[in-house]
């Protein structure tokens, strides 16, 4: 899947903000949320997650 390049858009603060996220910070936040899942949510998460990892 091709990704759109947004470097030319410098006046849209919402796009700029979304393009400037820190992957390490987002990964840490995700892990903090994942450990709080209840057993049913965790089971669903574990069932779905491998599908997305295959497409990376």
PDB file of N, CA and C in Angstrom:
ATOM      1  N   UNK A   1       0.853  -1.177   0.000  1.00  0.00           N
ATOM      2  CA  UNK A   1       0.000   0.000   0.000  1.00  0.00           C
ATOM      3  C   UNK A   1       0.899   1.240   0.000  1.00  0.00           C
ATOM      4  N   UNK A   2       0.640   2.149  -0.901  1.00  0.00           N
ATOM      5  CA  UNK A   2       1.447   3.366  -0.940  1.00  0.00           C
ATOM      6  C   UNK A   2       0.969   4.347   0.121  1.00  0.00           C
ATOM      7  N   UNK A   3       1.901   5.117   0.614  1.00  0.00           N
ATOM      8  CA  UNK A   3       1.574   6.112   1.622  1.00  0.00           C
ATOM      9  C   UNK A   3       1.706   7.492   1.015  1.00  0.00           C
ATOM     10  N   UNK A   4       0.798   8.362   1.392  1.00  0.00           N
ATOM     11  CA  UNK A   4       0.819   9.730   0.896  1.00  0.00           C
ATOM     12  C   UNK A   4       1.907  10.518   1.627  1.00  0.00           C
ATOM     13  N   UNK A   5       2.596  11.349   0.907  1.00  0.00           N
ATOM     14  CA  UNK A   5       3.619  12.202   1.493  1.00  0.00           C
ATOM     15  C   UNK A   5       2.991  13.544   1.838  1.00  0.00           C
ATOM     16  N   UNK A   6       3.153  13.953   3.089  1.00  0.00           N
ATOM     17  CA  UNK A   6       2.500  15.184   3.555  1.00  0.00           C
ATOM     18  C   UNK A   6       3.488  16.318   3.809  1.00  0.00           C
ATOM     19  N   UNK A   7       4.742  16.160   3.424  1.00  0.00           N
ATOM     20  CA  UNK A   7       5.719  17.208   3.707  1.00  0.00           C
ATOM     21  C   UNK A   7       5.339  18.566   3.112  1.00  0.00           C
ATOM     22  N   UNK A   8       4.651  18.548   1.980  1.00  0.00           N
ATOM     23  CA  UNK A   8       4.298  19.802   1.320  1.00  0.00           C
ATOM     24  C   UNK A   8       3.183  20.562   2.042  1.00  0.00           C
ATOM     25  N   UNK A   9       2.532  19.920   2.987  1.00  0.00           N
ATOM     26  CA  UNK A   9       1.429  20.557   3.712  1.00  0.00           C
ATOM     27  C   UNK A   9       1.982  21.086   5.030  1.00  0.00           C
ATOM     28  N   UNK A  10       2.323  22.362   5.054  1.00  0.00           N
ATOM     29  CA  UNK A  10       2.904  22.916   6.275  1.00  0.00           C
ATOM     30  C   UNK A  10       1.983  23.908   6.967  1.00  0.00           C
ATOM     31  N   UNK A  11       0.843  24.168   6.398  1.00  0.00           N
ATOM     32  CA  UNK A  11      -0.069  25.146   7.009  1.00  0.00           C
ATOM     33  C   UNK A  11      -1.209  24.498   7.775  1.00  0.00           C
ATOM     34  N   UNK A  12      -1.348  23.202   7.658  1.00  0.00           N
ATOM     35  CA  UNK A  12      -2.420  22.514   8.356  1.00  0.00           C
ATOM     36  C   UNK A  12      -1.866  21.942   9.662  1.00  0.00           C
ATOM     37  N   UNK A  13      -2.181  22.576  10.760  1.00  0.00           N
ATOM     38  CA  UNK A  13      -1.611  22.181  12.048  1.00  0.00           C
ATOM     39  C   UNK A  13      -2.064  20.784  12.468  1.00  0.00           C
ATOM     40  N   UNK A  14      -3.243  20.351  12.064  1.00  0.00           N
ATOM     41  CA  UNK A  14      -3.707  19.016  12.436  1.00  0.00           C
ATOM     42  C   UNK A  14      -2.888  17.937  11.736  1.00  0.00           C
ATOM     43  N   UNK A  15      -2.603  18.130  10.464  1.00  0.00           N
ATOM     44  CA  UNK A  15      -1.776  17.171   9.736  1.00  0.00           C
ATOM     45  C   UNK A  15      -0.360  17.195  10.276  1.00  0.00           C
ATOM     46  N   UNK A  16       0.164  18.359  10.542  1.00  0.00           N
ATOM     47  CA  UNK A  16       1.511  18.484  11.095  1.00  0.00           C
ATOM     48  C   UNK A  16       1.614  17.750  12.420  1.00  0.00           C
ATOM     49  N   UNK A  17       0.622  17.923  13.273  1.00  0.00           N
ATOM     50  CA  UNK A  17       0.627  17.258  14.575  1.00  0.00           C
ATOM     51  C   UNK A  17       0.594  15.737  14.418  1.00  0.00           C
ATOM     52  N   UNK A  18      -0.241  15.244  13.534  1.00  0.00           N
ATOM     53  CA  UNK A  18      -0.351  13.801  13.340  1.00  0.00           C
ATOM     54  C   UNK A  18       0.913  13.194  12.745  1.00  0.00           C
ATOM     55  N   UNK A  19       1.598  13.939  11.925  1.00  0.00           N
ATOM     56  CA  UNK A  19       2.827  13.441  11.296  1.00  0.00           C
ATOM     57  C   UNK A  19       4.022  13.497  12.241  1.00  0.00           C
ATOM     58  N   UNK A  20       3.898  14.203  13.346  1.00  0.00           N
ATOM     59  CA  UNK A  20       5.031  14.415  14.245  1.00  0.00           C
ATOM     60  C   UNK A  20       4.992  13.517  15.482  1.00  0.00           C
ATOM     61  N   UNK A  21       4.150  12.479  15.462  1.00  0.00           N
ATOM     62  CA  UNK A  21       4.080  11.644  16.663  1.00  0.00           C
ATOM     63  C   UNK A  21       5.372  10.861  16.864  1.00  0.00           C
ATOM     64  N   UNK A  22       5.633  10.531  18.102  1.00  0.00           N
ATOM     65  CA  UNK A  22       6.836   9.798  18.485  1.00  0.00           C
ATOM     66  C   UNK A  22       6.469   8.319  18.650  1.00  0.00           C
ATOM     67  N   UNK A  23       7.008   7.476  17.792  1.00  0.00           N
ATOM     68  CA  UNK A  23       6.661   6.047  17.807  1.00  0.00           C
ATOM     69  C   UNK A  23       6.947   5.394  19.157  1.00  0.00           C
ATOM     70  N   UNK A  24       8.051   5.735  19.777  1.00  0.00           N
ATOM     71  CA  UNK A  24       8.382   5.134  21.071  1.00  0.00           C
ATOM     72  C   UNK A  24       7.373   5.519  22.141  1.00  0.00           C
ATOM     73  N   UNK A  25       6.978   6.778  22.146  1.00  0.00           N
ATOM     74  CA  UNK A  25       5.978   7.239  23.112  1.00  0.00           C
ATOM     75  C   UNK A  25       4.647   6.544  22.870  1.00  0.00           C
ATOM     76  N   UNK A  26       4.248   6.452  21.612  1.00  0.00           N
ATOM     77  CA  UNK A  26       2.976   5.792  21.286  1.00  0.00           C
ATOM     78  C   UNK A  26       3.018   4.311  21.642  1.00  0.00           C
ATOM     79  N   UNK A  27       4.133   3.653  21.421  1.00  0.00           N
ATOM     80  CA  UNK A  27       4.290   2.239  21.772  1.00  0.00           C
ATOM     81  C   UNK A  27       4.173   2.067  23.288  1.00  0.00           C
ATOM     82  N   UNK A  28       4.809   2.953  24.046  1.00  0.00           N
ATOM     83  CA  UNK A  28       4.741   2.891  25.513  1.00  0.00           C
ATOM     84  C   UNK A  28       3.303   3.089  25.997  1.00  0.00           C
ATOM     85  N   UNK A  29       2.614   4.076  25.425  1.00  0.00           N
ATOM     86  CA  UNK A  29       1.220   4.329  25.803  1.00  0.00           C
ATOM     87  C   UNK A  29       0.342   3.118  25.488  1.00  0.00           C
ATOM     88  N   UNK A  30       0.579   2.505  24.344  1.00  0.00           N
ATOM     89  CA  UNK A  30      -0.204   1.328  23.959  1.00  0.00           C
ATOM     90  C   UNK A  30      -0.001   0.198  24.961  1.00  0.00           C
ATOM     91  N   UNK A  31       1.245  -0.040  25.347  1.00  0.00           N
ATOM     92  CA  UNK A  31       1.530  -1.104  26.307  1.00  0.00           C
ATOM     93  C   UNK A  31       0.869  -0.818  27.656  1.00  0.00           C
ATOM     94  N   UNK A  32       0.838   0.444  28.052  1.00  0.00           N
ATOM     95  CA  UNK A  32       0.178   0.814  29.310  1.00  0.00           C
ATOM     96  C   UNK A  32      -1.312   0.498  29.254  1.00  0.00           C
ATOM     97  N   UNK A  33      -1.917   0.692  28.104  1.00  0.00           N
ATOM     98  CA  UNK A  33      -3.343   0.396  27.943  1.00  0.00           C
ATOM     99  C   UNK A  33      -3.592  -1.106  27.833  1.00  0.00           C
ATOM    100  N   UNK A  34      -2.725  -1.807  27.111  1.00  0.00           N
ATOM    101  CA  UNK A  34      -2.905  -3.239  26.890  1.00  0.00           C
ATOM    102  C   UNK A  34      -2.896  -4.003  28.211  1.00  0.00           C
ATOM    103  N   UNK A  35      -2.022  -3.628  29.122  1.00  0.00           N
ATOM    104  CA  UNK A  35      -1.954  -4.365  30.392  1.00  0.00           C
ATOM    105  C   UNK A  35      -3.192  -4.143  31.265  1.00  0.00           C
ATOM    106  N   UNK A  36      -4.014  -3.182  30.916  1.00  0.00           N
ATOM    107  CA  UNK A  36      -5.231  -2.908  31.679  1.00  0.00           C
ATOM    108  C   UNK A  36      -6.467  -3.604  31.099  1.00  0.00           C
ATOM    109  N   UNK A  37      -6.293  -4.330  30.005  1.00  0.00           N
ATOM    110  CA  UNK A  37      -7.433  -5.028  29.413  1.00  0.00           C
ATOM    111  C   UNK A  37      -7.930  -6.136  30.332  1.00  0.00           C
ATOM    112  N   UNK A  38      -9.243  -6.333  30.356  1.00  0.00           N
ATOM    113  CA  UNK A  38      -9.777  -7.452  31.127  1.00  0.00           C
ATOM    114  C   UNK A  38      -9.539  -8.737  30.314  1.00  0.00           C
ATOM    115  N   UNK A  39      -9.748  -9.916  30.894  1.00  0.00           N
ATOM    116  CA  UNK A  39      -9.439 -11.162  30.177  1.00  0.00           C
ATOM    117  C   UNK A  39     -10.134 -11.303  28.822  1.00  0.00           C
ATOM    118  N   UNK A  40     -11.390 -10.917  28.734  1.00  0.00           N
ATOM    119  CA  UNK A  40     -12.113 -11.027  27.461  1.00  0.00           C
ATOM    120  C   UNK A  40     -11.525 -10.070  26.416  1.00  0.00           C
ATOM    121  N   UNK A  41     -11.234  -8.844  26.816  1.00  0.00           N
ATOM    122  CA  UNK A  41     -10.622  -7.885  25.905  1.00  0.00           C
ATOM    123  C   UNK A  41      -9.238  -8.352  25.473  1.00  0.00           C
ATOM    124  N   UNK A  42      -8.478  -8.875  26.418  1.00  0.00           N
ATOM    125  CA  UNK A  42      -7.140  -9.357  26.121  1.00  0.00           C
ATOM    126  C   UNK A  42      -7.187 -10.516  25.125  1.00  0.00           C
ATOM    127  N   UNK A  43      -8.131 -11.412  25.292  1.00  0.00           N
ATOM    128  CA  UNK A  43      -8.287 -12.538  24.378  1.00  0.00           C
ATOM    129  C   UNK A  43      -8.604 -12.052  22.961  1.00  0.00           C
ATOM    130  N   UNK A  44      -9.512 -11.090  22.860  1.00  0.00           N
ATOM    131  CA  UNK A  44      -9.855 -10.534  21.552  1.00  0.00           C
ATOM    132  C   UNK A  44      -8.662  -9.814  20.934  1.00  0.00           C
ATOM    133  N   UNK A  45      -7.948  -9.072  21.734  1.00  0.00           N
ATOM    134  CA  UNK A  45      -6.760  -8.349  21.260  1.00  0.00           C
ATOM    135  C   UNK A  45      -5.723  -9.332  20.730  1.00  0.00           C
ATOM    136  N   UNK A  46      -5.460 -10.392  21.492  1.00  0.00           N
ATOM    137  CA  UNK A  46      -4.472 -11.389  21.087  1.00  0.00           C
ATOM    138  C   UNK A  46      -4.907 -12.130  19.828  1.00  0.00           C
ATOM    139  N   UNK A  47      -6.206 -12.277  19.615  1.00  0.00           N
ATOM    140  CA  UNK A  47      -6.704 -12.966  18.417  1.00  0.00           C
ATOM    141  C   UNK A  47      -6.542 -12.111  17.168  1.00  0.00           C
ATOM    142  N   UNK A  48      -6.692 -10.814  17.320  1.00  0.00           N
ATOM    143  CA  UNK A  48      -6.669  -9.901  16.172  1.00  0.00           C
ATOM    144  C   UNK A  48      -5.279  -9.388  15.850  1.00  0.00           C
ATOM    145  N   UNK A  49      -4.459  -9.145  16.836  1.00  0.00           N
ATOM    146  CA  UNK A  49      -3.151  -8.534  16.650  1.00  0.00           C
ATOM    147  C   UNK A  49      -2.262  -9.229  15.619  1.00  0.00           C
ATOM    148  N   UNK A  50      -2.160 -10.558  15.606  1.00  0.00           N
ATOM    149  CA  UNK A  50      -1.272 -11.199  14.608  1.00  0.00           C
ATOM    150  C   UNK A  50      -1.654 -10.894  13.161  1.00  0.00           C
ATOM    151  N   UNK A  51      -2.927 -10.679  12.905  1.00  0.00           N
ATOM    152  CA  UNK A  51      -3.365 -10.355  11.549  1.00  0.00           C
ATOM    153  C   UNK A  51      -2.725  -9.052  11.080  1.00  0.00           C
ATOM    154  N   UNK A  52      -2.661  -8.068  11.952  1.00  0.00           N
ATOM    155  CA  UNK A  52      -2.062  -6.780  11.581  1.00  0.00           C
ATOM    156  C   UNK A  52      -0.555  -6.863  11.497  1.00  0.00           C
ATOM    157  N   UNK A  53       0.051  -7.686  12.322  1.00  0.00           N
ATOM    158  CA  UNK A  53       1.509  -7.822  12.284  1.00  0.00           C
ATOM    159  C   UNK A  53       1.972  -8.477  10.991  1.00  0.00           C
ATOM    160  N   UNK A  54       1.136  -9.303  10.379  1.00  0.00           N
ATOM    161  CA  UNK A  54       1.478  -9.951   9.124  1.00  0.00           C
ATOM    162  C   UNK A  54       1.536  -8.959   7.969  1.00  0.00           C
ATOM    163  N   UNK A  55       0.797  -7.856   8.076  1.00  0.00           N
ATOM    164  CA  UNK A  55       0.724  -6.887   6.980  1.00  0.00           C
ATOM    165  C   UNK A  55       1.762  -5.785   7.093  1.00  0.00           C
ATOM    166  N   UNK A  56       2.539  -5.756   8.148  1.00  0.00           N
ATOM    167  CA  UNK A  56       3.549  -4.701   8.327  1.00  0.00           C
ATOM    168  C   UNK A  56       4.725  -4.898   7.405  1.00  0.00           C
TER     169      UNK A  56
END
